[in-house]
Amino acid sequence: MLFSTVSEVSILIPVAIILLKRKYLSTELRILTAYVVVTLIRNFFGVTSDILYFAGTGKNFNTLFFYNWHSIIGFYIIAFLYFRLVNHKYWRVFIIVACCIFTFFSALEIPSGAITHITTGSFNNYTYTASSLIVLVIVLAYFYQLLQDLKVENITKFPYFWVSVGLLFFFGGNLFVNLFLIKAAKSTTQVSWGIINSALSILFHFTISLAFWYSNSLNNTQQNE
């Protein structure tokens, strides 16, 4: 649980860099900031619950409700971000259709109470896997676009490269975890997938921190175009 708490607190790294680089943020990075804010709110409840647990009060609460909603809201934010980043019309159409399909899967979560009962003890059955699959396809499409356009001189200082790298690792790793999420939550392997998820979260927070850190380089890239 301690490692999980560390991963939740690590969201403060991109938050600090956002505050430091706020005047350089593009519209797309401001959209990513919305994702960070949603994650910060979710992690606030997670850390609060962990503190209560470590304090031995016996009053820690179940935070799955917040994680379940985060998977839904976070997906739409990421989809909107890449809707603006991709150039080809058919990929934008794909994102719109994917969002409609994802909305259908989200509605399927209602009967289980995973997104309607704040005290739920159930993970979403569909949205974790669905969001991972869709985001991976979109991110790979964007990587292909970067390779085709060749407009970025130093890709290691290009913010959207780091956003995409982070999403690729985070959702790619979580796709494997989420395929066994419900089963793992009911077995002794829960600790294993929890550690993997926490490690992926820390990595993701680090990569998006780099994206915000290099936000000022977007001005140079736009001038070159």
Protein backbone atom coordinates (compact mmCIF):
# COMPACT_ATOMS: atom_id res chain seq x y z
CA MET A 1 0.00 0.00 0.00
CA LEU A 2 2.91 2.37 0.69
CA PHE A 3 4.12 2.12 -2.92
CA SER A 4 0.59 2.82 -4.09
CA THR A 5 0.52 5.95 -1.93
CA VAL A 6 3.83 7.09 -3.41
CA SER A 7 2.45 6.65 -6.92
CA GLU A 8 -0.62 8.72 -6.04
CA VAL A 9 1.50 11.49 -4.50
CA SER A 10 3.73 11.54 -7.61
CA ILE A 11 0.96 13.40 -9.46
CA LEU A 12 2.25 16.48 -7.63
CA ILE A 13 5.33 16.45 -9.91
CA PRO A 14 3.43 17.41 -13.08
CA VAL A 15 1.24 19.74 -11.01
CA ALA A 16 4.34 21.66 -9.87
CA ILE A 17 5.70 21.88 -13.42
CA ILE A 18 2.32 23.04 -14.75
CA LEU A 19 2.40 25.93 -12.27
CA LEU A 20 5.99 26.71 -13.24
CA LYS A 21 5.41 26.59 -17.01
CA ARG A 22 1.80 27.75 -17.12
CA LYS A 23 2.44 30.70 -19.46
CA TYR A 24 3.87 28.36 -22.12
CA LEU A 25 1.01 25.86 -22.16
CA SER A 26 -0.64 25.30 -25.54
CA THR A 27 -4.33 24.51 -25.87
CA GLU A 28 -3.49 20.80 -26.06
CA LEU A 29 -1.34 20.93 -22.94
CA ARG A 30 -4.16 22.74 -21.15
CA ILE A 31 -6.39 19.81 -22.09
CA LEU A 32 -3.76 17.50 -20.60
CA THR A 33 -3.80 19.74 -17.52
CA ALA A 34 -7.49 18.88 -17.13
CA TYR A 35 -6.50 15.20 -17.03
CA VAL A 36 -3.92 15.99 -14.34
CA VAL A 37 -6.54 17.86 -12.29
CA VAL A 38 -8.99 14.94 -12.51
CA THR A 39 -6.20 12.58 -11.46
CA LEU A 40 -5.23 14.89 -8.61
CA ILE A 41 -8.81 14.84 -7.29
CA ARG A 42 -8.95 11.04 -7.52
CA ASN A 43 -5.58 10.68 -5.82
CA PHE A 44 -6.61 13.07 -3.05
CA PHE A 45 -9.26 10.58 -1.96
CA GLY A 46 -6.83 7.69 -2.37
CA VAL A 47 -4.12 9.31 -0.26
CA THR A 48 -6.65 10.38 2.37
CA SER A 49 -7.86 6.80 2.67
CA ASP A 50 -4.27 5.56 2.93
CA ILE A 51 -3.45 8.08 5.66
CA LEU A 52 -6.46 6.93 7.66
CA TYR A 53 -5.30 3.34 7.22
CA PHE A 54 -1.72 4.04 8.29
CA ALA A 55 -2.98 6.08 11.25
CA GLY A 56 -4.76 2.99 12.49
CA THR A 57 -8.11 4.72 12.79
CA GLY A 58 -9.94 1.92 11.03
CA LYS A 59 -11.90 4.57 9.13
CA ASN A 60 -10.31 4.34 5.69
CA PHE A 61 -12.84 4.15 2.87
CA ASN A 62 -13.18 2.39 -0.46
CA THR A 63 -11.96 4.59 -3.33
CA LEU A 64 -12.93 2.37 -6.28
CA PHE A 65 -15.82 4.69 -7.14
CA PHE A 66 -13.36 7.53 -7.85
CA TYR A 67 -11.01 5.27 -9.81
CA ASN A 68 -13.89 3.97 -11.91
CA TRP A 69 -15.06 7.46 -12.81
CA HIS A 70 -11.48 8.55 -13.47
CA SER A 71 -11.13 5.83 -16.11
CA ILE A 72 -14.19 7.23 -17.89
CA ILE A 73 -13.56 10.96 -17.63
CA GLY A 74 -9.86 10.50 -18.30
CA PHE A 75 -10.57 8.63 -21.51
CA TYR A 76 -12.72 11.43 -22.93
CA ILE A 77 -10.05 14.02 -22.07
CA ILE A 78 -7.35 11.99 -23.82
CA ALA A 79 -9.61 11.37 -26.81
CA PHE A 80 -10.28 15.10 -27.12
CA LEU A 81 -6.55 15.83 -26.84
CA TYR A 82 -5.70 13.53 -29.76
CA PHE A 83 -8.71 14.68 -31.74
CA ARG A 84 -6.89 18.02 -31.87
CA LEU A 85 -3.44 16.49 -32.48
CA VAL A 86 -4.18 14.13 -35.37
CA ASN A 87 -4.28 15.69 -38.83
CA HIS A 88 -6.11 13.11 -40.88
CA LYS A 89 -9.88 13.34 -41.07
CA TYR A 90 -10.43 9.57 -40.87
CA TRP A 91 -8.59 9.38 -37.55
CA ARG A 92 -10.80 12.11 -36.15
CA VAL A 93 -13.83 10.16 -37.31
CA PHE A 94 -12.35 7.07 -35.65
CA ILE A 95 -12.01 8.96 -32.36
CA ILE A 96 -15.63 10.15 -32.50
CA VAL A 97 -16.89 6.62 -33.24
CA ALA A 98 -14.63 5.18 -30.53
CA CYS A 99 -16.06 7.66 -28.00
CA CYS A 100 -19.59 6.57 -28.91
CA ILE A 101 -18.66 2.92 -28.44
CA PHE A 102 -16.92 3.74 -25.17
CA THR A 103 -20.04 5.54 -23.95
CA PHE A 104 -22.01 2.37 -24.59
CA PHE A 105 -19.53 0.33 -22.53
CA SER A 106 -19.67 2.95 -19.77
CA ALA A 107 -23.45 2.63 -19.62
CA LEU A 108 -23.04 -1.11 -19.10
CA GLU A 109 -21.30 -0.34 -15.79
CA ILE A 110 -24.48 1.14 -14.30
CA PRO A 111 -26.22 -2.12 -13.27
CA SER A 112 -23.19 -3.25 -11.24
CA GLY A 113 -23.18 -0.01 -9.26
CA ALA A 114 -19.50 0.56 -10.07
CA ILE A 115 -20.16 4.16 -11.15
CA THR A 116 -23.39 4.83 -9.27
CA HIS A 117 -22.64 3.69 -5.71
CA ILE A 118 -19.95 5.71 -3.95
CA THR A 119 -19.22 2.79 -1.61
CA THR A 120 -18.86 0.29 -4.46
CA GLY A 121 -16.34 -2.50 -4.06
CA SER A 122 -16.35 -3.38 -7.75
CA PHE A 123 -14.05 -2.33 -10.55
CA ASN A 124 -15.55 -1.34 -13.88
CA ASN A 125 -15.97 -4.47 -15.96
CA TYR A 126 -15.48 -2.88 -19.38
CA THR A 127 -14.10 0.66 -19.40
CA TYR A 128 -10.55 -0.11 -18.22
CA THR A 129 -9.87 -2.57 -21.05
CA ALA A 130 -11.85 -0.61 -23.65
CA SER A 131 -10.05 2.66 -22.88
CA SER A 132 -6.64 0.95 -22.98
CA LEU A 133 -7.30 -0.61 -26.39
CA ILE A 134 -8.67 2.57 -27.94
CA VAL A 135 -5.98 4.87 -26.53
CA LEU A 136 -3.23 2.53 -27.75
CA VAL A 137 -4.62 2.62 -31.29
CA ILE A 138 -4.88 6.42 -31.24
CA VAL A 139 -1.39 6.92 -29.81
CA LEU A 140 0.18 4.57 -32.36
CA ALA A 141 -1.62 6.49 -35.11
CA TYR A 142 -0.15 9.73 -33.77
CA PHE A 143 3.35 8.23 -33.66
CA TYR A 144 2.92 7.25 -37.30
CA GLN A 145 1.87 10.82 -38.07
CA LEU A 146 5.04 12.16 -36.40
CA LEU A 147 7.20 9.82 -38.47
CA GLN A 148 5.43 10.82 -41.67
CA ASP A 149 5.51 14.57 -41.12
CA LEU A 150 9.11 14.88 -39.87
CA LYS A 151 8.44 18.46 -38.77
CA VAL A 152 10.02 18.10 -35.33
CA GLU A 153 13.78 18.65 -35.23
CA ASN A 154 14.43 17.33 -31.72
CA ILE A 155 11.69 14.89 -30.82
CA THR A 156 13.04 14.41 -27.28
CA LYS A 157 12.05 18.01 -26.55
CA PHE A 158 8.64 17.75 -28.19
CA PRO A 159 5.92 17.70 -25.49
CA TYR A 160 3.43 15.54 -27.37
CA PHE A 161 6.08 12.90 -27.93
CA TRP A 162 6.46 12.49 -24.18
CA VAL A 163 2.70 12.50 -23.66
CA SER A 164 2.38 9.71 -26.20
CA VAL A 165 5.27 7.72 -24.73
CA GLY A 166 3.69 7.93 -21.30
CA LEU A 167 0.28 6.87 -22.58
CA LEU A 168 1.80 4.02 -24.58
CA PHE A 169 3.53 2.55 -21.54
CA PHE A 170 0.71 3.30 -19.11
CA PHE A 171 -2.20 1.96 -21.14
CA GLY A 172 -0.14 -0.77 -22.75
CA GLY A 173 0.95 -2.05 -19.36
CA ASN A 174 -2.49 -1.60 -17.86
CA LEU A 175 -4.10 -3.46 -20.73
CA PHE A 176 -2.40 -6.60 -19.50
CA VAL A 177 -3.30 -5.81 -15.90
CA ASN A 178 -6.90 -4.91 -16.69
CA LEU A 179 -7.53 -8.13 -18.60
CA PHE A 180 -7.09 -9.90 -15.27
CA LEU A 181 -8.30 -7.08 -13.00
CA ILE A 182 -11.53 -8.56 -11.70
CA LYS A 183 -10.01 -12.00 -11.19
CA ALA A 184 -6.91 -10.57 -9.54
CA ALA A 185 -8.94 -8.44 -7.16
CA LYS A 186 -10.44 -11.62 -5.75
CA SER A 187 -7.17 -13.50 -5.36
CA THR A 188 -3.74 -13.24 -3.76
CA THR A 189 -2.35 -11.66 -6.97
CA GLN A 190 -4.03 -8.37 -6.10
CA VAL A 191 -0.76 -7.12 -4.59
CA SER A 192 1.11 -7.98 -7.79
CA TRP A 193 -1.12 -6.03 -10.15
CA GLY A 194 -1.28 -3.19 -7.61
CA ILE A 195 2.50 -2.82 -7.70
CA ILE A 196 2.54 -2.91 -11.51
CA ASN A 197 -0.20 -0.30 -11.74
CA SER A 198 1.59 1.96 -9.27
CA ALA A 199 4.89 1.67 -11.16
CA LEU A 200 3.14 2.52 -14.43
CA SER A 201 1.47 5.53 -12.80
CA ILE A 202 4.81 6.89 -11.57
CA LEU A 203 6.31 6.42 -15.05
CA PHE A 204 3.33 8.16 -16.64
CA HIS A 205 3.50 11.08 -14.25
CA PHE A 206 7.21 11.45 -15.03
CA THR A 207 6.71 11.46 -18.81
CA ILE A 208 3.88 14.01 -18.76
CA SER A 209 6.05 16.11 -16.46
CA LEU A 210 8.61 16.15 -19.27
CA ALA A 211 5.84 17.18 -21.67
CA PHE A 212 4.99 20.21 -19.53
CA TRP A 213 8.67 20.96 -18.93
CA TYR A 214 9.36 21.22 -22.65
CA SER A 215 6.19 23.23 -23.33
CA ASN A 216 8.17 26.33 -24.25
CA SER A 217 9.81 24.41 -27.13
CA LEU A 218 6.44 24.37 -28.93
CA ASN A 219 6.99 27.99 -29.95
CA ASN A 220 10.15 27.02 -31.83
CA THR A 221 8.42 24.06 -33.49
CA GLN A 222 5.52 26.22 -34.65
CA GLN A 223 7.92 28.83 -36.03
CA ASN A 224 9.74 26.13 -38.02
CA GLU A 225 6.47 24.98 -39.54
